[in-house]
PDB file of all heavy atoms in Angstrom:
ATOM      1  N   HIS A   1       0.753  -5.978   9.223  1.00  0.00           N
ATOM      2  CA  HIS A   1      -0.326  -5.990  10.214  1.00  0.00           C
ATOM      3  C   HIS A   1      -0.042  -4.951  11.289  1.00  0.00           C
ATOM      4  O   HIS A   1       1.058  -4.882  11.826  1.00  0.00           O
ATOM      5  CB  HIS A   1      -0.441  -7.385  10.843  1.00  0.00           C
ATOM      6  CG  HIS A   1      -1.665  -7.546  11.689  1.00  0.00           C
ATOM      7  ND1 HIS A   1      -2.927  -7.652  11.149  1.00  0.00           N
ATOM      8  CD2 HIS A   1      -1.823  -7.583  13.041  1.00  0.00           C
ATOM      9  CE1 HIS A   1      -3.807  -7.766  12.139  1.00  0.00           C
ATOM     10  NE2 HIS A   1      -3.171  -7.721  13.283  1.00  0.00           N
ATOM     11  N   SER A   2      -1.052  -4.147  11.588  1.00  0.00           N
ATOM     12  CA  SER A   2      -0.886  -3.102  12.603  1.00  0.00           C
ATOM     13  C   SER A   2      -0.827  -3.709  14.003  1.00  0.00           C
ATOM     14  O   SER A   2      -1.472  -4.719  14.287  1.00  0.00           O
ATOM     15  CB  SER A   2      -2.060  -2.115  12.522  1.00  0.00           C
ATOM     16  OG  SER A   2      -1.980  -1.173  13.565  1.00  0.00           O
ATOM     17  N   LYS A   3      -0.072  -3.045  14.872  1.00  0.00           N
ATOM     18  CA  LYS A   3      -0.016  -3.478  16.274  1.00  0.00           C
ATOM     19  C   LYS A   3      -1.248  -3.003  17.045  1.00  0.00           C
ATOM     20  O   LYS A   3      -1.516  -3.470  18.142  1.00  0.00           O
ATOM     21  CB  LYS A   3       1.251  -2.926  16.948  1.00  0.00           C
ATOM     22  CG  LYS A   3       2.545  -3.505  16.374  1.00  0.00           C
ATOM     23  CD  LYS A   3       3.744  -3.038  17.203  1.00  0.00           C
ATOM     24  CE  LYS A   3       5.036  -3.677  16.710  1.00  0.00           C
ATOM     25  NZ  LYS A   3       5.564  -2.990  15.523  1.00  0.00           N
ATOM     26  N   ARG A   4      -1.968  -2.055  16.458  1.00  0.00           N
ATOM     27  CA  ARG A   4      -3.143  -1.513  17.137  1.00  0.00           C
ATOM     28  C   ARG A   4      -4.314  -2.491  17.066  1.00  0.00           C
ATOM     29  O   ARG A   4      -4.605  -3.043  16.004  1.00  0.00           O
ATOM     30  CB  ARG A   4      -3.593  -0.219  16.451  1.00  0.00           C
ATOM     31  CG  ARG A   4      -2.918   1.031  16.949  1.00  0.00           C
ATOM     32  CD  ARG A   4      -3.412   2.243  16.191  1.00  0.00           C
ATOM     33  NE  ARG A   4      -4.872   2.308  16.142  1.00  0.00           N
ATOM     34  CZ  ARG A   4      -5.547   2.997  15.240  1.00  0.00           C
ATOM     35  NH1 ARG A   4      -4.921   3.646  14.290  1.00  0.00           N
ATOM     36  NH2 ARG A   4      -6.863   3.022  15.276  1.00  0.00           N
ATOM     37  N   PRO A   5      -5.018  -2.735  18.176  1.00  0.00           N
ATOM     38  CA  PRO A   5      -6.197  -3.591  18.101  1.00  0.00           C
ATOM     39  C   PRO A   5      -7.292  -2.927  17.262  1.00  0.00           C
ATOM     40  O   PRO A   5      -7.465  -1.702  17.330  1.00  0.00           O
ATOM     41  CB  PRO A   5      -6.634  -3.734  19.564  1.00  0.00           C
ATOM     42  CG  PRO A   5      -5.995  -2.607  20.301  1.00  0.00           C
ATOM     43  CD  PRO A   5      -4.758  -2.248  19.546  1.00  0.00           C
ATOM     44  N   ASN A   6      -7.987  -3.724  16.464  1.00  0.00           N
ATOM     45  CA  ASN A   6      -9.095  -3.238  15.609  1.00  0.00           C
ATOM     46  C   ASN A   6      -8.669  -2.112  14.660  1.00  0.00           C
ATOM     47  O   ASN A   6      -9.459  -1.226  14.329  1.00  0.00           O
ATOM     48  CB  ASN A   6     -10.284  -2.757  16.459  1.00  0.00           C
ATOM     49  CG  ASN A   6     -10.748  -3.815  17.425  1.00  0.00           C
ATOM     50  OD1 ASN A   6     -10.671  -5.007  17.147  1.00  0.00           O
ATOM     51  ND2 ASN A   6     -11.231  -3.386  18.585  1.00  0.00           N
ATOM     52  N   ALA A   7      -7.411  -2.134  14.245  1.00  0.00           N
ATOM     53  CA  ALA A   7      -6.898  -1.085  13.339  1.00  0.00           C
ATOM     54  C   ALA A   7      -7.677  -1.092  12.026  1.00  0.00           C
ATOM     55  O   ALA A   7      -8.150  -2.141  11.576  1.00  0.00           O
ATOM     56  CB  ALA A   7      -5.423  -1.330  13.054  1.00  0.00           C
ATOM     57  N   PRO A   8      -7.829   0.082  11.397  1.00  0.00           N
ATOM     58  CA  PRO A   8      -8.454   0.109  10.080  1.00  0.00           C
ATOM     59  C   PRO A   8      -7.578  -0.613   9.056  1.00  0.00           C
ATOM     60  O   PRO A   8      -6.381  -0.791   9.267  1.00  0.00           O
ATOM     61  CB  PRO A   8      -8.567   1.607   9.768  1.00  0.00           C
ATOM     62  CG  PRO A   8      -7.538   2.268  10.617  1.00  0.00           C
ATOM     63  CD  PRO A   8      -7.380   1.414  11.840  1.00  0.00           C
ATOM     64  N   ILE A   9      -8.189  -1.034   7.964  1.00  0.00           N
ATOM     65  CA  ILE A   9      -7.468  -1.747   6.901  1.00  0.00           C
ATOM     66  C   ILE A   9      -7.402  -0.896   5.640  1.00  0.00           C
ATOM     67  O   ILE A   9      -8.238  -0.018   5.430  1.00  0.00           O
ATOM     68  CB  ILE A   9      -8.118  -3.116   6.589  1.00  0.00           C
ATOM     69  CG1 ILE A   9      -9.609  -2.944   6.235  1.00  0.00           C
ATOM     70  CG2 ILE A   9      -7.936  -4.076   7.761  1.00  0.00           C
ATOM     71  CD1 ILE A   9     -10.301  -4.231   5.786  1.00  0.00           C
ATOM     72  N   ALA A  10      -6.402  -1.165   4.811  1.00  0.00           N
ATOM     73  CA  ALA A  10      -6.265  -0.432   3.548  1.00  0.00           C
ATOM     74  C   ALA A  10      -5.674  -1.349   2.477  1.00  0.00           C
ATOM     75  O   ALA A  10      -4.764  -2.137   2.756  1.00  0.00           O
ATOM     76  CB  ALA A  10      -5.375   0.800   3.733  1.00  0.00           C
ATOM     77  N   LEU A  11      -6.206  -1.227   1.277  1.00  0.00           N
ATOM     78  CA  LEU A  11      -5.761  -2.023   0.130  1.00  0.00           C
ATOM     79  C   LEU A  11      -5.152  -1.100  -0.916  1.00  0.00           C
ATOM     80  O   LEU A  11      -5.753  -0.084  -1.282  1.00  0.00           O
ATOM     81  CB  LEU A  11      -6.962  -2.769  -0.468  1.00  0.00           C
ATOM     82  CG  LEU A  11      -6.708  -3.627  -1.717  1.00  0.00           C
ATOM     83  CD1 LEU A  11      -5.787  -4.805  -1.384  1.00  0.00           C
ATOM     84  CD2 LEU A  11      -8.035  -4.126  -2.295  1.00  0.00           C
ATOM     85  N   MET A  12      -3.941  -1.463  -1.412  1.00  0.00           N
ATOM     86  CA  MET A  12      -3.226  -0.663  -2.407  1.00  0.00           C
ATOM     87  C   MET A  12      -3.280  -1.341  -3.777  1.00  0.00           C
ATOM     88  O   MET A  12      -3.032  -2.548  -3.880  1.00  0.00           O
ATOM     89  CB  MET A  12      -1.740  -0.511  -2.034  1.00  0.00           C
ATOM     90  CG  MET A  12      -1.454  -0.123  -0.587  1.00  0.00           C
ATOM     91  SD  MET A  12      -1.845   1.578  -0.202  1.00  0.00           S
ATOM     92  CE  MET A  12      -3.332   1.367   0.778  1.00  0.00           C
ATOM     93  N   LEU A  13      -3.566  -0.563  -4.829  1.00  0.00           N
ATOM     94  CA  LEU A  13      -3.701  -1.126  -6.183  1.00  0.00           C
ATOM     95  C   LEU A  13      -2.697  -0.482  -7.140  1.00  0.00           C
ATOM     96  O   LEU A  13      -2.597   0.743  -7.223  1.00  0.00           O
ATOM     97  CB  LEU A  13      -5.127  -0.910  -6.692  1.00  0.00           C
ATOM     98  CG  LEU A  13      -6.231  -1.510  -5.791  1.00  0.00           C
ATOM     99  CD1 LEU A  13      -7.610  -1.151  -6.327  1.00  0.00           C
ATOM    100  CD2 LEU A  13      -6.081  -3.020  -5.670  1.00  0.00           C
ATOM    101  N   HIS A  14      -1.997  -1.322  -7.882  1.00  0.00           N
ATOM    102  CA  HIS A  14      -0.869  -0.840  -8.704  1.00  0.00           C
ATOM    103  C   HIS A  14      -1.281  -0.444 -10.125  1.00  0.00           C
ATOM    104  O   HIS A  14      -2.376  -0.773 -10.592  1.00  0.00           O
ATOM    105  CB  HIS A  14       0.268  -1.871  -8.691  1.00  0.00           C
ATOM    106  CG  HIS A  14       0.022  -3.141  -9.449  1.00  0.00           C
ATOM    107  ND1 HIS A  14      -0.042  -3.206 -10.820  1.00  0.00           N
ATOM    108  CD2 HIS A  14      -0.113  -4.437  -9.017  1.00  0.00           C
ATOM    109  CE1 HIS A  14      -0.214  -4.460 -11.208  1.00  0.00           C
ATOM    110  NE2 HIS A  14      -0.276  -5.224 -10.133  1.00  0.00           N
ATOM    111  N   PRO A  15      -0.369   0.246 -10.844  1.00  0.00           N
ATOM    112  CA  PRO A  15      -0.688   0.701 -12.200  1.00  0.00           C
ATOM    113  C   PRO A  15      -0.747  -0.436 -13.216  1.00  0.00           C
ATOM    114  O   PRO A  15      -0.603  -1.608 -12.879  1.00  0.00           O
ATOM    115  CB  PRO A  15       0.417   1.707 -12.525  1.00  0.00           C
ATOM    116  CG  PRO A  15       1.506   1.482 -11.548  1.00  0.00           C
ATOM    117  CD  PRO A  15       0.911   0.780 -10.365  1.00  0.00           C
ATOM    118  N   HIS A  16      -0.972  -0.068 -14.464  1.00  0.00           N
ATOM    119  CA  HIS A  16      -1.316  -0.997 -15.547  1.00  0.00           C
ATOM    120  C   HIS A  16      -0.304  -2.132 -15.719  1.00  0.00           C
ATOM    121  O   HIS A  16       0.878  -1.894 -15.976  1.00  0.00           O
ATOM    122  CB  HIS A  16      -1.433  -0.229 -16.858  1.00  0.00           C
ATOM    123  CG  HIS A  16      -2.351  -0.870 -17.841  1.00  0.00           C
ATOM    124  ND1 HIS A  16      -2.102  -2.117 -18.371  1.00  0.00           N
ATOM    125  CD2 HIS A  16      -3.520  -0.460 -18.376  1.00  0.00           C
ATOM    126  CE1 HIS A  16      -3.079  -2.439 -19.211  1.00  0.00           C
ATOM    127  NE2 HIS A  16      -3.964  -1.446 -19.218  1.00  0.00           N
ATOM    128  N   PRO A  17      -0.782  -3.387 -15.597  1.00  0.00           N
ATOM    129  CA  PRO A  17       0.127  -4.538 -15.716  1.00  0.00           C
ATOM    130  C   PRO A  17       0.842  -4.624 -17.067  1.00  0.00           C
ATOM    131  O   PRO A  17       1.965  -5.118 -17.144  1.00  0.00           O
ATOM    132  CB  PRO A  17      -0.814  -5.743 -15.552  1.00  0.00           C
ATOM    133  CG  PRO A  17      -1.990  -5.218 -14.802  1.00  0.00           C
ATOM    134  CD  PRO A  17      -2.153  -3.798 -15.253  1.00  0.00           C
ATOM    135  N   GLN A  18       0.201  -4.131 -18.124  1.00  0.00           N
ATOM    136  CA  GLN A  18       0.822  -4.240 -19.454  1.00  0.00           C
ATOM    137  C   GLN A  18       1.867  -3.162 -19.719  1.00  0.00           C
ATOM    138  O   GLN A  18       2.522  -3.169 -20.744  1.00  0.00           O
ATOM    139  CB  GLN A  18      -0.269  -4.222 -20.522  1.00  0.00           C
ATOM    140  CG  GLN A  18      -1.163  -5.463 -20.455  1.00  0.00           C
ATOM    141  CD  GLN A  18      -2.015  -5.609 -21.689  1.00  0.00           C
ATOM    142  OE1 GLN A  18      -2.685  -4.667 -22.104  1.00  0.00           O
ATOM    143  NE2 GLN A  18      -1.985  -6.786 -22.299  1.00  0.00           N
ATOM    144  N   TYR A  19       2.003  -2.233 -18.787  1.00  0.00           N
ATOM    145  CA  TYR A  19       3.014  -1.176 -18.941  1.00  0.00           C
ATOM    146  C   TYR A  19       3.991  -1.196 -17.769  1.00  0.00           C
ATOM    147  O   TYR A  19       4.489  -0.155 -17.343  1.00  0.00           O
ATOM    148  CB  TYR A  19       2.329   0.189 -19.075  1.00  0.00           C
ATOM    149  CG  TYR A  19       1.432   0.276 -20.279  1.00  0.00           C
ATOM    150  CD1 TYR A  19       0.061   0.080 -20.155  1.00  0.00           C
ATOM    151  CD2 TYR A  19       1.958   0.486 -21.555  1.00  0.00           C
ATOM    152  CE1 TYR A  19      -0.773   0.123 -21.265  1.00  0.00           C
ATOM    153  CE2 TYR A  19       1.140   0.528 -22.676  1.00  0.00           C
ATOM    154  CZ  TYR A  19      -0.217   0.343 -22.518  1.00  0.00           C
ATOM    155  OH  TYR A  19      -1.043   0.377 -23.625  1.00  0.00           O
ATOM    156  N   GLY A  20       4.201  -2.388 -17.229  1.00  0.00           N
ATOM    157  CA  GLY A  20       5.215  -2.541 -16.184  1.00  0.00           C
ATOM    158  C   GLY A  20       4.735  -2.291 -14.766  1.00  0.00           C
ATOM    159  O   GLY A  20       5.548  -2.243 -13.841  1.00  0.00           O
ATOM    160  N   GLY A  21       3.434  -2.136 -14.577  1.00  0.00           N
ATOM    161  CA  GLY A  21       2.908  -1.878 -13.236  1.00  0.00           C
ATOM    162  C   GLY A  21       2.982  -3.106 -12.333  1.00  0.00           C
ATOM    163  O   GLY A  21       2.592  -4.193 -12.740  1.00  0.00           O
ATOM    164  N   THR A  22       3.522  -2.920 -11.123  1.00  0.00           N
ATOM    165  CA  THR A  22       3.567  -3.992 -10.115  1.00  0.00           C
ATOM    166  C   THR A  22       3.316  -3.373  -8.745  1.00  0.00           C
ATOM    167  O   THR A  22       3.326  -2.145  -8.592  1.00  0.00           O
ATOM    168  CB  THR A  22       4.930  -4.716 -10.071  1.00  0.00           C
ATOM    169  OG1 THR A  22       5.855  -3.913  -9.325  1.00  0.00           O
ATOM    170  CG2 THR A  22       5.496  -4.993 -11.454  1.00  0.00           C
ATOM    171  N   MET A  23       3.158  -4.247  -7.747  1.00  0.00           N
ATOM    172  CA  MET A  23       2.949  -3.753  -6.381  1.00  0.00           C
ATOM    173  C   MET A  23       4.198  -3.075  -5.823  1.00  0.00           C
ATOM    174  O   MET A  23       4.133  -2.418  -4.780  1.00  0.00           O
ATOM    175  CB  MET A  23       2.534  -4.895  -5.459  1.00  0.00           C
ATOM    176  CG  MET A  23       3.600  -5.952  -5.248  1.00  0.00           C
ATOM    177  SD  MET A  23       3.050  -7.160  -4.032  1.00  0.00           S
ATOM    178  CE  MET A  23       4.358  -8.389  -4.179  1.00  0.00           C
ATOM    179  N   ASN A  24       5.337  -3.227  -6.495  1.00  0.00           N
ATOM    180  CA  ASN A  24       6.575  -2.581  -6.051  1.00  0.00           C
ATOM    181  C   ASN A  24       6.808  -1.221  -6.702  1.00  0.00           C
ATOM    182  O   ASN A  24       7.859  -0.604  -6.505  1.00  0.00           O
ATOM    183  CB  ASN A  24       7.778  -3.499  -6.311  1.00  0.00           C
ATOM    184  CG  ASN A  24       7.687  -4.775  -5.489  1.00  0.00           C
ATOM    185  OD1 ASN A  24       7.273  -4.731  -4.325  1.00  0.00           O
ATOM    186  ND2 ASN A  24       8.019  -5.910  -6.076  1.00  0.00           N
ATOM    187  N   ASN A  25       5.833  -0.768  -7.490  1.00  0.00           N
ATOM    188  CA  ASN A  25       5.901   0.573  -8.060  1.00  0.00           C
ATOM    189  C   ASN A  25       6.138   1.594  -6.937  1.00  0.00           C
ATOM    190  O   ASN A  25       5.593   1.462  -5.844  1.00  0.00           O
ATOM    191  CB  ASN A  25       4.573   0.851  -8.776  1.00  0.00           C
ATOM    192  CG  ASN A  25       4.412   2.304  -9.150  1.00  0.00           C
ATOM    193  OD1 ASN A  25       3.943   3.096  -8.347  1.00  0.00           O
ATOM    194  ND2 ASN A  25       4.819   2.652 -10.343  1.00  0.00           N
ATOM    195  N   LYS A  26       6.960   2.606  -7.195  1.00  0.00           N
ATOM    196  CA  LYS A  26       7.368   3.540  -6.136  1.00  0.00           C
ATOM    197  C   LYS A  26       6.195   4.304  -5.521  1.00  0.00           C
ATOM    198  O   LYS A  26       6.169   4.560  -4.319  1.00  0.00           O
ATOM    199  CB  LYS A  26       8.405   4.522  -6.673  1.00  0.00           C
ATOM    200  CG  LYS A  26       9.799   3.903  -6.781  1.00  0.00           C
ATOM    201  CD  LYS A  26      10.816   4.936  -7.187  1.00  0.00           C
ATOM    202  CE  LYS A  26      12.215   4.317  -7.249  1.00  0.00           C
ATOM    203  NZ  LYS A  26      13.207   5.287  -7.743  1.00  0.00           N
ATOM    204  N   VAL A  27       5.238   4.683  -6.350  1.00  0.00           N
ATOM    205  CA  VAL A  27       4.070   5.400  -5.823  1.00  0.00           C
ATOM    206  C   VAL A  27       3.261   4.481  -4.907  1.00  0.00           C
ATOM    207  O   VAL A  27       2.855   4.868  -3.808  1.00  0.00           O
ATOM    208  CB  VAL A  27       3.186   5.957  -6.961  1.00  0.00           C
ATOM    209  CG1 VAL A  27       1.884   6.525  -6.414  1.00  0.00           C
ATOM    210  CG2 VAL A  27       3.932   7.029  -7.756  1.00  0.00           C
ATOM    211  N   VAL A  28       3.049   3.243  -5.343  1.00  0.00           N
ATOM    212  CA  VAL A  28       2.294   2.269  -4.538  1.00  0.00           C
ATOM    213  C   VAL A  28       3.031   1.982  -3.229  1.00  0.00           C
ATOM    214  O   VAL A  28       2.414   1.929  -2.151  1.00  0.00           O
ATOM    215  CB  VAL A  28       2.059   0.962  -5.340  1.00  0.00           C
ATOM    216  CG1 VAL A  28       1.371  -0.095  -4.490  1.00  0.00           C
ATOM    217  CG2 VAL A  28       1.234   1.251  -6.589  1.00  0.00           C
ATOM    218  N   TYR A  29       4.342   1.828  -3.320  1.00  0.00           N
ATOM    219  CA  TYR A  29       5.176   1.583  -2.137  1.00  0.00           C
ATOM    220  C   TYR A  29       5.061   2.751  -1.155  1.00  0.00           C
ATOM    221  O   TYR A  29       4.943   2.562   0.064  1.00  0.00           O
ATOM    222  CB  TYR A  29       6.628   1.394  -2.597  1.00  0.00           C
ATOM    223  CG  TYR A  29       7.607   1.036  -1.515  1.00  0.00           C
ATOM    224  CD1 TYR A  29       7.793  -0.291  -1.121  1.00  0.00           C
ATOM    225  CD2 TYR A  29       8.369   2.022  -0.893  1.00  0.00           C
ATOM    226  CE1 TYR A  29       8.707  -0.618  -0.120  1.00  0.00           C
ATOM    227  CE2 TYR A  29       9.285   1.712   0.100  1.00  0.00           C
ATOM    228  CZ  TYR A  29       9.450   0.386   0.481  1.00  0.00           C
ATOM    229  OH  TYR A  29      10.347   0.067   1.469  1.00  0.00           O
ATOM    230  N   THR A  30       5.073   3.962  -1.695  1.00  0.00           N
ATOM    231  CA  THR A  30       4.951   5.165  -0.869  1.00  0.00           C
ATOM    232  C   THR A  30       3.581   5.234  -0.197  1.00  0.00           C
ATOM    233  O   THR A  30       3.472   5.556   0.994  1.00  0.00           O
ATOM    234  CB  THR A  30       5.200   6.425  -1.735  1.00  0.00           C
ATOM    235  OG1 THR A  30       6.542   6.374  -2.243  1.00  0.00           O
ATOM    236  CG2 THR A  30       5.028   7.709  -0.940  1.00  0.00           C
ATOM    237  N   LEU A  31       2.538   4.938  -0.944  1.00  0.00           N
ATOM    238  CA  LEU A  31       1.182   4.907  -0.380  1.00  0.00           C
ATOM    239  C   LEU A  31       1.098   3.868   0.745  1.00  0.00           C
ATOM    240  O   LEU A  31       0.558   4.129   1.822  1.00  0.00           O
ATOM    241  CB  LEU A  31       0.158   4.561  -1.468  1.00  0.00           C
ATOM    242  CG  LEU A  31      -0.134   5.628  -2.529  1.00  0.00           C
ATOM    243  CD1 LEU A  31      -0.957   5.035  -3.670  1.00  0.00           C
ATOM    244  CD2 LEU A  31      -0.882   6.814  -1.913  1.00  0.00           C
ATOM    245  N   PHE A  32       1.638   2.691   0.473  1.00  0.00           N
ATOM    246  CA  PHE A  32       1.631   1.586   1.437  1.00  0.00           C
ATOM    247  C   PHE A  32       2.215   2.039   2.778  1.00  0.00           C
ATOM    248  O   PHE A  32       1.612   1.867   3.847  1.00  0.00           O
ATOM    249  CB  PHE A  32       2.432   0.419   0.850  1.00  0.00           C
ATOM    250  CG  PHE A  32       2.484  -0.816   1.712  1.00  0.00           C
ATOM    251  CD1 PHE A  32       1.593  -1.857   1.521  1.00  0.00           C
ATOM    252  CD2 PHE A  32       3.452  -0.954   2.700  1.00  0.00           C
ATOM    253  CE1 PHE A  32       1.646  -3.002   2.299  1.00  0.00           C
ATOM    254  CE2 PHE A  32       3.519  -2.094   3.489  1.00  0.00           C
ATOM    255  CZ  PHE A  32       2.608  -3.128   3.290  1.00  0.00           C
ATOM    256  N   HIS A  33       3.391   2.651   2.714  1.00  0.00           N
ATOM    257  CA  HIS A  33       4.069   3.032   3.951  1.00  0.00           C
ATOM    258  C   HIS A  33       3.412   4.223   4.645  1.00  0.00           C
ATOM    259  O   HIS A  33       3.477   4.338   5.881  1.00  0.00           O
ATOM    260  CB  HIS A  33       5.558   3.257   3.689  1.00  0.00           C
ATOM    261  CG  HIS A  33       6.291   1.956   3.546  1.00  0.00           C
ATOM    262  ND1 HIS A  33       6.610   1.169   4.626  1.00  0.00           N
ATOM    263  CD2 HIS A  33       6.697   1.270   2.447  1.00  0.00           C
ATOM    264  CE1 HIS A  33       7.206   0.064   4.200  1.00  0.00           C
ATOM    265  NE2 HIS A  33       7.268   0.103   2.888  1.00  0.00           N
ATOM    266  N   ALA A  34       2.740   5.067   3.875  1.00  0.00           N
ATOM    267  CA  ALA A  34       1.994   6.167   4.492  1.00  0.00           C
ATOM    268  C   ALA A  34       0.853   5.606   5.349  1.00  0.00           C
ATOM    269  O   ALA A  34       0.627   6.053   6.478  1.00  0.00           O
ATOM    270  CB  ALA A  34       1.443   7.110   3.426  1.00  0.00           C
ATOM    271  N   PHE A  35       0.150   4.611   4.828  1.00  0.00           N
ATOM    272  CA  PHE A  35      -0.937   3.988   5.595  1.00  0.00           C
ATOM    273  C   PHE A  35      -0.389   3.232   6.810  1.00  0.00           C
ATOM    274  O   PHE A  35      -0.993   3.270   7.885  1.00  0.00           O
ATOM    275  CB  PHE A  35      -1.754   3.044   4.704  1.00  0.00           C
ATOM    276  CG  PHE A  35      -2.821   3.731   3.903  1.00  0.00           C
ATOM    277  CD1 PHE A  35      -2.564   4.177   2.613  1.00  0.00           C
ATOM    278  CD2 PHE A  35      -4.091   3.928   4.430  1.00  0.00           C
ATOM    279  CE1 PHE A  35      -3.557   4.811   1.858  1.00  0.00           C
ATOM    280  CE2 PHE A  35      -5.084   4.561   3.689  1.00  0.00           C
ATOM    281  CZ  PHE A  35      -4.817   5.004   2.403  1.00  0.00           C
ATOM    282  N   VAL A  36       0.749   2.563   6.643  1.00  0.00           N
ATOM    283  CA  VAL A  36       1.372   1.850   7.774  1.00  0.00           C
ATOM    284  C   VAL A  36       1.697   2.850   8.887  1.00  0.00           C
ATOM    285  O   VAL A  36       1.437   2.595  10.076  1.00  0.00           O
ATOM    286  CB  VAL A  36       2.643   1.091   7.316  1.00  0.00           C
ATOM    287  CG1 VAL A  36       3.457   0.613   8.520  1.00  0.00           C
ATOM    288  CG2 VAL A  36       2.270  -0.094   6.426  1.00  0.00           C
ATOM    289  N   ARG A  37       2.251   4.008   8.513  1.00  0.00           N
ATOM    290  CA  ARG A  37       2.619   5.025   9.517  1.00  0.00           C
ATOM    291  C   ARG A  37       1.400   5.508  10.305  1.00  0.00           C
ATOM    292  O   ARG A  37       1.514   5.890  11.464  1.00  0.00           O
ATOM    293  CB  ARG A  37       3.288   6.236   8.841  1.00  0.00           C
ATOM    294  CG  ARG A  37       4.748   6.044   8.528  1.00  0.00           C
ATOM    295  CD  ARG A  37       5.432   7.354   8.182  1.00  0.00           C
ATOM    296  NE  ARG A  37       4.868   8.018   7.023  1.00  0.00           N
ATOM    297  CZ  ARG A  37       5.188   7.736   5.756  1.00  0.00           C
ATOM    298  NH1 ARG A  37       6.077   6.778   5.492  1.00  0.00           N
ATOM    299  NH2 ARG A  37       4.638   8.387   4.754  1.00  0.00           N
ATOM    300  N   GLN A  38       0.249   5.513   9.659  1.00  0.00           N
ATOM    301  CA  GLN A  38      -0.971   5.988  10.325  1.00  0.00           C
ATOM    302  C   GLN A  38      -1.691   4.878  11.088  1.00  0.00           C
ATOM    303  O   GLN A  38      -2.811   5.049  11.555  1.00  0.00           O
ATOM    304  CB  GLN A  38      -1.922   6.620   9.293  1.00  0.00           C
ATOM    305  CG  GLN A  38      -1.379   7.873   8.631  1.00  0.00           C
ATOM    306  CD  GLN A  38      -1.201   9.029   9.590  1.00  0.00           C
ATOM    307  OE1 GLN A  38      -1.849   9.093  10.630  1.00  0.00           O
ATOM    308  NE2 GLN A  38      -0.298   9.947   9.259  1.00  0.00           N
ATOM    309  N   GLY A  39      -1.046   3.696  11.189  1.00  0.00           N
ATOM    310  CA  GLY A  39      -1.584   2.640  12.034  1.00  0.00           C
ATOM    311  C   GLY A  39      -2.538   1.662  11.379  1.00  0.00           C
ATOM    312  O   GLY A  39      -3.201   0.878  12.056  1.00  0.00           O
TER     313      GLY A  39
END
């Protein structure tokens, strides 16, 4: 959760579940933290 009031929201979606895709995938994790850095 952002500390900024009325901060924009973002949803991250992971790769194919049948080929090992999870929310902890490195690309998804990287995207997640990029959005966090931008508030």
